[in-house]
Every structure is written in structure tokens, then in C-alpha cells.
Amino acid sequence: MPIPPEVTGEEIDKDVRQELQSLPKTLAEDVAKNLVMVARLIDEDPEAAYGYSRVALRLASRVAAVREAAGFAAYANQKYGEALAEFRAARRMTGSVELWPVMADCERGLGRPEKALDMAGAPEVHKLDKAGQVEMRLVAAGARRDMGQLDAAIVTLQSPELASHSVQPWTARLRYAYADALLAAGREAEAREWFAKAVEADRDGSTDASDRLAELDGVEFTDALAEDGEAEGGSLDSDEDGRH
């Protein structure tokens, strides 16, 4: 797959670069460039990111960072069985528990929420850092919802991290998940309160909490360009005005 000329491979994390030092120099550079492309594209074009991850995997399947990147690319494309296999391989190589929550979420993706819950209660969870433990709580709550256990999902999300007034990288997503679970359980007033709290914490727009809050408040967004078009006797479709 083509690599843009401005991508040198030096953009990757220093820890990953250190892992690649076990490879011949030219090979290490090629792998690094493909990993850079995975990181660049995984959100906006997951399919392309997956393609680059397969190239990196073909070149250096014995490097843990490559297996991890391949796992995340597969995960982004909802290839949960493949993602789980790559995450397990990376974990065997490193001995780290860091990937435990996303491995559990892969079990959810494979239709095995009970397995995800088993993992949420495993000793490995105690070895996770705070962010990892919050992620595990989110996965466990999702598994409860998969099983139709809405009240249990709500209780699962109730934690010191949820109650805390300090804003951490995970705060917006945790509050959002709690609000969403409350809404699913028919507790609309509480859900509105927590969507509002999620908006307060969501400094980088990682959730659509503001849209959900507006929806609960009955706010409707209209397209000014479309209205102008209709006023002139025509309408603009989403392709013409660039909005969807």
C-alpha cells in the first residue's frame, strides 16, 4: 500500500521505535511507516488502516506493538475474533494486562457478554491503572446491557470515578454511559442531568452528549442553507451542501 512521502516512520512512539530495533534497519523503517499510517487512519478510514496493519503484520509478526496495532485495526473494523487473537498474542509477548478491557469488549462483540463479565471479575483487573479500571467498568456495564440487565448496568457504572468532580480523560465517556443507561431504563430526568455533566467534561468532543442533551430538551437543529433553498422554490440535498 502506498506511503505518503512525508511519512518517515520517525513519528511513532519512542517505545514502539525501541521495539523495532530488533529488526534490520530498512525493515524497521518500513514497519514504522505502516504503523504511522494505521495510527493516522484508524478513526477516519478504518478499512485503510486495517490494510496498513496487515502489511506491518506480514513484515514483523513477532513484534508486540505490531500485533497490538493489528488488533486495534481489526477492532475498528468490527473483526472481533481477529482482534482478540492479535491482542492475546501481544499480551503473551509483553505479559502486560493493559489490553484486558478491550479483549473483554471483543468478547462482547463476538456475542459472549458472559465471558466479558468473567474477565471483569478476574485478578488481572486489579493490575490495571485507573484508566484501565474505568474502561473495564464501561465494558462490564455494556455486557450487562447486552444481557438486558439495565439496572445492573446502572449499578456497575456507579463508582467513585463517576461521583468525582475532577475531570479526567475518561470522565466524559463514563458520565455519558451512565446517562445513556439511565435513559434506556426510562429515568429521563436523571439521564438529562448526566448528559449535561458529560457535556461539561467533554472538552474534545469525544461523545455526542450535547446532541443527546438537546434532543431531550426538544431542540431541533435546522439547516439554514436548506431553508434558503426551499424559500427560493427548491431544496438542497445533503450531497450538495456537504451536510449529512
C-alpha atoms as a PDB file:
ATOM      1  CA  MET A   1       0.000   0.000   0.000  1.00  0.00           C
ATOM      2  CA  PRO A   2       1.289   3.495  -0.826  1.00  0.00           C
ATOM      3  CA  ILE A   3       3.015   5.530   1.882  1.00  0.00           C
ATOM      4  CA  PRO A   4       2.936   9.350   1.516  1.00  0.00           C
ATOM      5  CA  PRO A   5       6.468  10.743   1.053  1.00  0.00           C
ATOM      6  CA  GLU A   6       6.192  12.919   4.173  1.00  0.00           C
ATOM      7  CA  VAL A   7       5.797   9.831   6.395  1.00  0.00           C
ATOM      8  CA  THR A   8       9.252   8.852   7.655  1.00  0.00           C
ATOM      9  CA  GLY A   9       8.416   6.416  10.443  1.00  0.00           C
ATOM     10  CA  GLU A  10      10.044   8.717  12.983  1.00  0.00           C
ATOM     11  CA  GLU A  11       6.563   9.830  14.028  1.00  0.00           C
ATOM     12  CA  ILE A  12       5.925   6.684  16.061  1.00  0.00           C
ATOM     13  CA  ASP A  13       6.123   6.469  19.836  1.00  0.00           C
ATOM     14  CA  LYS A  14       9.629   6.043  21.221  1.00  0.00           C
ATOM     15  CA  ASP A  15       8.700   2.784  22.967  1.00  0.00           C
ATOM     16  CA  VAL A  16       7.492   1.311  19.682  1.00  0.00           C
ATOM     17  CA  ARG A  17      10.632   2.534  17.948  1.00  0.00           C
ATOM     18  CA  GLN A  18      12.676   0.752  20.588  1.00  0.00           C
ATOM     19  CA  GLU A  19      10.749  -2.480  19.954  1.00  0.00           C
ATOM     20  CA  LEU A  20      11.501  -2.212  16.255  1.00  0.00           C
ATOM     21  CA  GLN A  21      15.231  -2.026  16.920  1.00  0.00           C
ATOM     22  CA  SER A  22      15.230  -5.825  16.971  1.00  0.00           C
ATOM     23  CA  LEU A  23      14.624  -5.701  13.201  1.00  0.00           C
ATOM     24  CA  PRO A  24      17.073  -4.873  10.379  1.00  0.00           C
ATOM     25  CA  LYS A  25      17.149  -1.103   9.843  1.00  0.00           C
ATOM     26  CA  THR A  26      15.369  -0.965   6.471  1.00  0.00           C
ATOM     27  CA  LEU A  27      12.699  -3.417   7.630  1.00  0.00           C
ATOM     28  CA  ALA A  28      12.193  -1.453  10.843  1.00  0.00           C
ATOM     29  CA  GLU A  29      11.657   1.728   8.815  1.00  0.00           C
ATOM     30  CA  ASP A  30       9.080   0.051   6.581  1.00  0.00           C
ATOM     31  CA  VAL A  31       7.193  -1.339   9.564  1.00  0.00           C
ATOM     32  CA  ALA A  32       7.294   2.036  11.331  1.00  0.00           C
ATOM     33  CA  LYS A  33       5.839   3.809   8.305  1.00  0.00           C
ATOM     34  CA  ASN A  34       2.962   1.351   8.103  1.00  0.00           C
ATOM     35  CA  LEU A  35       2.285   1.753  11.827  1.00  0.00           C
ATOM     36  CA  VAL A  36       2.187   5.528  11.381  1.00  0.00           C
ATOM     37  CA  MET A  37      -0.434   5.079   8.658  1.00  0.00           C
ATOM     38  CA  VAL A  38      -2.501   2.827  10.935  1.00  0.00           C
ATOM     39  CA  ALA A  39      -2.475   5.483  13.661  1.00  0.00           C
ATOM     40  CA  ARG A  40      -3.347   8.263  11.189  1.00  0.00           C
ATOM     41  CA  LEU A  41      -6.245   6.487   9.543  1.00  0.00           C
ATOM     42  CA  ILE A  42      -7.824   4.287  12.221  1.00  0.00           C
ATOM     43  CA  ASP A  43     -10.515   6.845  13.100  1.00  0.00           C
ATOM     44  CA  GLU A  44     -11.272   8.398   9.715  1.00  0.00           C
ATOM     45  CA  ASP A  45     -10.695   5.395   7.430  1.00  0.00           C
ATOM     46  CA  PRO A  46     -10.605   2.154   9.471  1.00  0.00           C
ATOM     47  CA  GLU A  47     -10.574  -0.021   6.371  1.00  0.00           C
ATOM     48  CA  ALA A  48      -7.414   1.600   5.027  1.00  0.00           C
ATOM     49  CA  ALA A  49      -5.821   1.437   8.493  1.00  0.00           C
ATOM     50  CA  TYR A  50      -6.578  -2.277   8.542  1.00  0.00           C
ATOM     51  CA  GLY A  51      -4.791  -2.691   5.211  1.00  0.00           C
ATOM     52  CA  TYR A  52      -1.645  -0.998   6.515  1.00  0.00           C
ATOM     53  CA  SER A  53      -1.788  -3.083   9.698  1.00  0.00           C
ATOM     54  CA  ARG A  54      -1.801  -6.269   7.617  1.00  0.00           C
ATOM     55  CA  VAL A  55       1.315  -5.103   5.791  1.00  0.00           C
ATOM     56  CA  ALA A  56       3.068  -4.407   9.102  1.00  0.00           C
ATOM     57  CA  LEU A  57       1.947  -7.792  10.411  1.00  0.00           C
ATOM     58  CA  ARG A  58       3.311  -9.543   7.357  1.00  0.00           C
ATOM     59  CA  LEU A  59       6.668  -7.804   7.845  1.00  0.00           C
ATOM     60  CA  ALA A  60       7.056  -8.177  11.610  1.00  0.00           C
ATOM     61  CA  SER A  61       4.576 -10.519  13.268  1.00  0.00           C
ATOM     62  CA  ARG A  62       6.915 -11.160  16.196  1.00  0.00           C
ATOM     63  CA  VAL A  63       6.831  -7.551  17.394  1.00  0.00           C
ATOM     64  CA  ALA A  64       4.245  -6.954  20.112  1.00  0.00           C
ATOM     65  CA  ALA A  65       3.494  -3.381  19.006  1.00  0.00           C
ATOM     66  CA  VAL A  66       2.670  -4.665  15.525  1.00  0.00           C
ATOM     67  CA  ARG A  67       0.308  -7.304  16.890  1.00  0.00           C
ATOM     68  CA  GLU A  68      -1.360  -4.665  19.072  1.00  0.00           C
ATOM     69  CA  ALA A  69      -1.783  -2.250  16.144  1.00  0.00           C
ATOM     70  CA  ALA A  70      -3.223  -5.069  14.031  1.00  0.00           C
ATOM     71  CA  GLY A  71      -5.626  -5.826  16.873  1.00  0.00           C
ATOM     72  CA  PHE A  72      -6.888  -2.265  17.107  1.00  0.00           C
ATOM     73  CA  ALA A  73      -7.261  -2.013  13.332  1.00  0.00           C
ATOM     74  CA  ALA A  74      -9.290  -5.228  13.263  1.00  0.00           C
ATOM     75  CA  TYR A  75     -11.334  -3.990  16.244  1.00  0.00           C
ATOM     76  CA  ALA A  76     -12.099  -0.725  14.428  1.00  0.00           C
ATOM     77  CA  ASN A  77     -13.461  -2.808  11.547  1.00  0.00           C
ATOM     78  CA  GLN A  78     -15.576  -4.964  13.892  1.00  0.00           C
ATOM     79  CA  LYS A  79     -13.443  -8.029  13.147  1.00  0.00           C
ATOM     80  CA  TYR A  80     -13.636  -9.018  16.794  1.00  0.00           C
ATOM     81  CA  GLY A  81     -12.352 -12.582  16.537  1.00  0.00           C
ATOM     82  CA  GLU A  82      -9.278 -11.434  14.657  1.00  0.00           C
ATOM     83  CA  ALA A  83      -8.756  -8.514  17.038  1.00  0.00           C
ATOM     84  CA  LEU A  84      -8.958 -10.795  20.059  1.00  0.00           C
ATOM     85  CA  ALA A  85      -6.370 -13.157  18.582  1.00  0.00           C
ATOM     86  CA  GLU A  86      -3.952 -10.269  17.966  1.00  0.00           C
ATOM     87  CA  PHE A  87      -4.472  -8.796  21.437  1.00  0.00           C
ATOM     88  CA  ARG A  88      -3.853 -12.199  23.007  1.00  0.00           C
ATOM     89  CA  ALA A  89      -0.650 -12.549  21.004  1.00  0.00           C
ATOM     90  CA  ALA A  90       0.550  -9.097  22.103  1.00  0.00           C
ATOM     91  CA  ARG A  91      -0.250  -9.919  25.719  1.00  0.00           C
ATOM     92  CA  ARG A  92       1.698 -13.185  25.551  1.00  0.00           C
ATOM     93  CA  MET A  93       4.703 -11.261  24.220  1.00  0.00           C
ATOM     94  CA  THR A  94       4.632  -8.476  26.799  1.00  0.00           C
ATOM     95  CA  GLY A  95       2.955 -10.005  29.836  1.00  0.00           C
ATOM     96  CA  SER A  96       1.035  -6.725  30.203  1.00  0.00           C
ATOM     97  CA  VAL A  97      -2.625  -6.564  31.293  1.00  0.00           C
ATOM     98  CA  GLU A  98      -3.161  -3.239  29.534  1.00  0.00           C
ATOM     99  CA  LEU A  99      -5.248  -4.803  26.749  1.00  0.00           C
ATOM    100  CA  TRP A 100      -7.552  -6.704  29.128  1.00  0.00           C
ATOM    101  CA  PRO A 101     -10.556  -4.319  28.802  1.00  0.00           C
ATOM    102  CA  VAL A 102     -10.505  -4.225  25.001  1.00  0.00           C
ATOM    103  CA  MET A 103     -10.100  -8.013  24.938  1.00  0.00           C
ATOM    104  CA  ALA A 104     -13.230  -8.243  27.082  1.00  0.00           C
ATOM    105  CA  ASP A 105     -15.030  -5.887  24.704  1.00  0.00           C
ATOM    106  CA  CYS A 106     -14.081  -8.183  21.826  1.00  0.00           C
ATOM    107  CA  GLU A 107     -15.893 -10.964  23.698  1.00  0.00           C
ATOM    108  CA  ARG A 108     -18.946  -8.697  23.741  1.00  0.00           C
ATOM    109  CA  GLY A 109     -18.551  -8.131  20.008  1.00  0.00           C
ATOM    110  CA  LEU A 110     -18.492 -11.881  19.499  1.00  0.00           C
ATOM    111  CA  GLY A 111     -21.803 -12.200  21.345  1.00  0.00           C
ATOM    112  CA  ARG A 112     -20.274 -13.509  24.569  1.00  0.00           C
ATOM    113  CA  PRO A 113     -21.177 -10.914  27.240  1.00  0.00           C
ATOM    114  CA  GLU A 114     -20.937 -13.537  29.990  1.00  0.00           C
ATOM    115  CA  LYS A 115     -17.271 -14.044  29.104  1.00  0.00           C
ATOM    116  CA  ALA A 116     -16.711 -10.288  29.253  1.00  0.00           C
ATOM    117  CA  LEU A 117     -18.223 -10.235  32.756  1.00  0.00           C
ATOM    118  CA  ASP A 118     -15.976 -13.112  33.817  1.00  0.00           C
ATOM    119  CA  MET A 119     -12.991 -11.064  32.660  1.00  0.00           C
ATOM    120  CA  ALA A 120     -14.300  -8.031  34.580  1.00  0.00           C
ATOM    121  CA  GLY A 121     -14.058 -10.071  37.771  1.00  0.00           C
ATOM    122  CA  ALA A 122     -10.633 -11.561  37.047  1.00  0.00           C
ATOM    123  CA  PRO A 123      -7.465 -10.786  39.080  1.00  0.00           C
ATOM    124  CA  GLU A 124      -5.965  -9.021  36.057  1.00  0.00           C
ATOM    125  CA  VAL A 125      -8.333  -6.082  36.626  1.00  0.00           C
ATOM    126  CA  HIS A 126      -6.578  -5.218  39.888  1.00  0.00           C
ATOM    127  CA  LYS A 127      -3.339  -4.787  37.957  1.00  0.00           C
ATOM    128  CA  LEU A 128      -4.819  -2.179  35.630  1.00  0.00           C
ATOM    129  CA  ASP A 129      -4.185   1.521  36.146  1.00  0.00           C
ATOM    130  CA  LYS A 130      -7.129   3.792  36.959  1.00  0.00           C
ATOM    131  CA  ALA A 131      -7.937   4.458  33.296  1.00  0.00           C
ATOM    132  CA  GLY A 132      -7.911   0.724  32.591  1.00  0.00           C
ATOM    133  CA  GLN A 133     -10.198   0.000  35.525  1.00  0.00           C
ATOM    134  CA  VAL A 134     -12.688   2.625  34.344  1.00  0.00           C
ATOM    135  CA  GLU A 135     -12.547   1.128  30.852  1.00  0.00           C
ATOM    136  CA  MET A 136     -13.227  -2.303  32.333  1.00  0.00           C
ATOM    137  CA  ARG A 137     -16.220  -0.894  34.215  1.00  0.00           C
ATOM    138  CA  LEU A 138     -17.598   0.522  30.950  1.00  0.00           C
ATOM    139  CA  VAL A 139     -17.187  -2.836  29.227  1.00  0.00           C
ATOM    140  CA  ALA A 140     -18.859  -4.669  32.117  1.00  0.00           C
ATOM    141  CA  ALA A 141     -21.801  -2.260  32.048  1.00  0.00           C
ATOM    142  CA  GLY A 142     -22.093  -2.787  28.311  1.00  0.00           C
ATOM    143  CA  ALA A 143     -22.133  -6.546  28.851  1.00  0.00           C
ATOM    144  CA  ARG A 144     -24.933  -6.160  31.385  1.00  0.00           C
ATOM    145  CA  ARG A 145     -26.921  -4.170  28.838  1.00  0.00           C
ATOM    146  CA  ASP A 146     -26.241  -6.819  26.187  1.00  0.00           C
ATOM    147  CA  MET A 147     -27.903  -9.287  28.571  1.00  0.00           C
ATOM    148  CA  GLY A 148     -30.882  -6.998  29.160  1.00  0.00           C
ATOM    149  CA  GLN A 149     -29.812  -6.203  32.730  1.00  0.00           C
ATOM    150  CA  LEU A 150     -30.313  -2.436  32.687  1.00  0.00           C
ATOM    151  CA  ASP A 151     -30.458  -1.908  36.439  1.00  0.00           C
ATOM    152  CA  ALA A 152     -27.278  -3.938  36.895  1.00  0.00           C
ATOM    153  CA  ALA A 153     -25.578  -1.844  34.201  1.00  0.00           C
ATOM    154  CA  ILE A 154     -26.504   1.345  36.062  1.00  0.00           C
ATOM    155  CA  VAL A 155     -25.165  -0.024  39.347  1.00  0.00           C
ATOM    156  CA  THR A 156     -21.964  -1.162  37.624  1.00  0.00           C
ATOM    157  CA  LEU A 157     -21.253   2.399  36.493  1.00  0.00           C
ATOM    158  CA  GLN A 158     -21.859   3.904  39.946  1.00  0.00           C
ATOM    159  CA  SER A 159     -18.344   4.418  41.280  1.00  0.00           C
ATOM    160  CA  PRO A 160     -16.043   6.958  42.935  1.00  0.00           C
ATOM    161  CA  GLU A 161     -14.845   7.960  39.454  1.00  0.00           C
ATOM    162  CA  LEU A 162     -18.417   8.758  38.397  1.00  0.00           C
ATOM    163  CA  ALA A 163     -19.077  10.749  41.574  1.00  0.00           C
ATOM    164  CA  SER A 164     -15.815  12.691  41.358  1.00  0.00           C
ATOM    165  CA  HIS A 165     -15.957  16.366  40.379  1.00  0.00           C
ATOM    166  CA  SER A 166     -12.473  16.284  38.858  1.00  0.00           C
ATOM    167  CA  VAL A 167     -12.312  15.824  35.096  1.00  0.00           C
ATOM    168  CA  GLN A 168     -10.108  13.017  33.833  1.00  0.00           C
ATOM    169  CA  PRO A 169      -9.657  11.673  30.274  1.00  0.00           C
ATOM    170  CA  TRP A 170     -12.327   9.062  30.938  1.00  0.00           C
ATOM    171  CA  THR A 171     -14.859  11.302  32.736  1.00  0.00           C
ATOM    172  CA  ALA A 172     -16.984  12.307  29.739  1.00  0.00           C
ATOM    173  CA  ARG A 173     -17.355   8.746  28.454  1.00  0.00           C
ATOM    174  CA  LEU A 174     -18.206   7.412  31.922  1.00  0.00           C
ATOM    175  CA  ARG A 175     -20.867  10.073  32.530  1.00  0.00           C
ATOM    176  CA  TYR A 176     -22.228   9.547  29.025  1.00  0.00           C
ATOM    177  CA  ALA A 177     -22.531   5.776  29.502  1.00  0.00           C
ATOM    178  CA  TYR A 178     -24.322   6.348  32.805  1.00  0.00           C
ATOM    179  CA  ALA A 179     -26.720   8.850  31.233  1.00  0.00           C
ATOM    180  CA  ASP A 180     -27.418   6.507  28.341  1.00  0.00           C
ATOM    181  CA  ALA A 181     -28.148   3.606  30.695  1.00  0.00           C
ATOM    182  CA  LEU A 182     -30.480   5.786  32.776  1.00  0.00           C
ATOM    183  CA  LEU A 183     -32.336   6.855  29.649  1.00  0.00           C
ATOM    184  CA  ALA A 184     -32.677   3.251  28.495  1.00  0.00           C
ATOM    185  CA  ALA A 185     -34.191   2.456  31.893  1.00  0.00           C
ATOM    186  CA  GLY A 186     -36.748   5.239  31.465  1.00  0.00           C
ATOM    187  CA  ARG A 187     -35.171   7.562  34.041  1.00  0.00           C
ATOM    188  CA  GLU A 188     -35.231  10.589  31.736  1.00  0.00           C
ATOM    189  CA  ALA A 189     -34.767  13.390  34.294  1.00  0.00           C
ATOM    190  CA  GLU A 190     -31.668  11.733  35.744  1.00  0.00           C
ATOM    191  CA  ALA A 191     -30.393  10.963  32.250  1.00  0.00           C
ATOM    192  CA  ARG A 192     -30.681  14.635  31.287  1.00  0.00           C
ATOM    193  CA  GLU A 193     -28.675  15.626  34.367  1.00  0.00           C
ATOM    194  CA  TRP A 194     -25.874  13.213  33.497  1.00  0.00           C
ATOM    195  CA  PHE A 195     -25.793  14.096  29.810  1.00  0.00           C
ATOM    196  CA  ALA A 196     -25.322  17.698  30.959  1.00  0.00           C
ATOM    197  CA  LYS A 197     -22.463  16.591  33.217  1.00  0.00           C
ATOM    198  CA  ALA A 198     -20.951  14.673  30.309  1.00  0.00           C
ATOM    199  CA  VAL A 199     -21.065  17.836  28.190  1.00  0.00           C
ATOM    200  CA  GLU A 200     -19.189  19.730  30.911  1.00  0.00           C
ATOM    201  CA  ALA A 201     -16.405  17.136  30.891  1.00  0.00           C
ATOM    202  CA  ASP A 202     -16.275  16.555  27.123  1.00  0.00           C
ATOM    203  CA  ARG A 203     -13.613  19.086  26.198  1.00  0.00           C
ATOM    204  CA  ASP A 204     -12.541  17.418  22.968  1.00  0.00           C
ATOM    205  CA  GLY A 205     -15.929  16.353  21.625  1.00  0.00           C
ATOM    206  CA  SER A 206     -15.343  12.641  22.133  1.00  0.00           C
ATOM    207  CA  THR A 207     -19.071  11.998  22.660  1.00  0.00           C
ATOM    208  CA  ASP A 208     -22.309  13.323  21.196  1.00  0.00           C
ATOM    209  CA  ALA A 209     -23.564  14.252  24.660  1.00  0.00           C
ATOM    210  CA  SER A 210     -24.513  17.777  23.575  1.00  0.00           C
ATOM    211  CA  ASP A 211     -26.716  16.390  20.796  1.00  0.00           C
ATOM    212  CA  ARG A 212     -28.347  13.918  23.175  1.00  0.00           C
ATOM    213  CA  LEU A 213     -28.988  16.693  25.691  1.00  0.00           C
ATOM    214  CA  ALA A 214     -30.530  18.913  23.027  1.00  0.00           C
ATOM    215  CA  GLU A 215     -32.710  16.022  21.893  1.00  0.00           C
ATOM    216  CA  LEU A 216     -34.012  15.540  25.438  1.00  0.00           C
ATOM    217  CA  ASP A 217     -34.711  19.265  25.668  1.00  0.00           C
ATOM    218  CA  GLY A 218     -36.686  19.139  22.421  1.00  0.00           C
ATOM    219  CA  VAL A 219     -34.253  21.313  20.492  1.00  0.00           C
ATOM    220  CA  GLU A 220     -34.353  20.770  16.730  1.00  0.00           C
ATOM    221  CA  PHE A 221     -31.454  21.774  14.512  1.00  0.00           C
ATOM    222  CA  THR A 222     -32.320  23.135  11.085  1.00  0.00           C
ATOM    223  CA  ASP A 223     -30.048  23.622   8.108  1.00  0.00           C
ATOM    224  CA  ALA A 224     -30.024  27.327   7.221  1.00  0.00           C
ATOM    225  CA  LEU A 225     -28.784  26.618   3.696  1.00  0.00           C
ATOM    226  CA  ALA A 226     -31.556  24.113   3.114  1.00  0.00           C
ATOM    227  CA  GLU A 227     -34.147  26.598   4.377  1.00  0.00           C
ATOM    228  CA  ASP A 228     -32.838  29.241   1.981  1.00  0.00           C
ATOM    229  CA  GLY A 229     -33.078  26.762  -0.868  1.00  0.00           C
ATOM    230  CA  GLU A 230     -36.664  25.898  -0.001  1.00  0.00           C
ATOM    231  CA  ALA A 231     -37.581  29.576   0.252  1.00  0.00           C
ATOM    232  CA  GLU A 232     -36.390  30.022  -3.324  1.00  0.00           C
ATOM    233  CA  GLY A 233     -38.584  27.195  -4.506  1.00  0.00           C
ATOM    234  CA  GLY A 234     -36.033  24.395  -4.297  1.00  0.00           C
ATOM    235  CA  SER A 235     -34.222  22.303  -1.745  1.00  0.00           C
ATOM    236  CA  LEU A 236     -30.619  21.283  -1.323  1.00  0.00           C
ATOM    237  CA  ASP A 237     -29.831  17.664  -0.677  1.00  0.00           C
ATOM    238  CA  SER A 238     -27.093  16.510   1.700  1.00  0.00           C
ATOM    239  CA  ASP A 239     -24.582  15.914  -1.090  1.00  0.00           C
ATOM    240  CA  GLU A 240     -24.940  19.425  -2.467  1.00  0.00           C
ATOM    241  CA  ASP A 241     -24.496  21.317   0.781  1.00  0.00           C
ATOM    242  CA  GLY A 242     -21.966  18.985   2.279  1.00  0.00           C
ATOM    243  CA  ARG A 243     -24.061  18.199   5.381  1.00  0.00           C
ATOM    244  CA  HIS A 244     -25.437  14.836   6.483  1.00  0.00           C
END
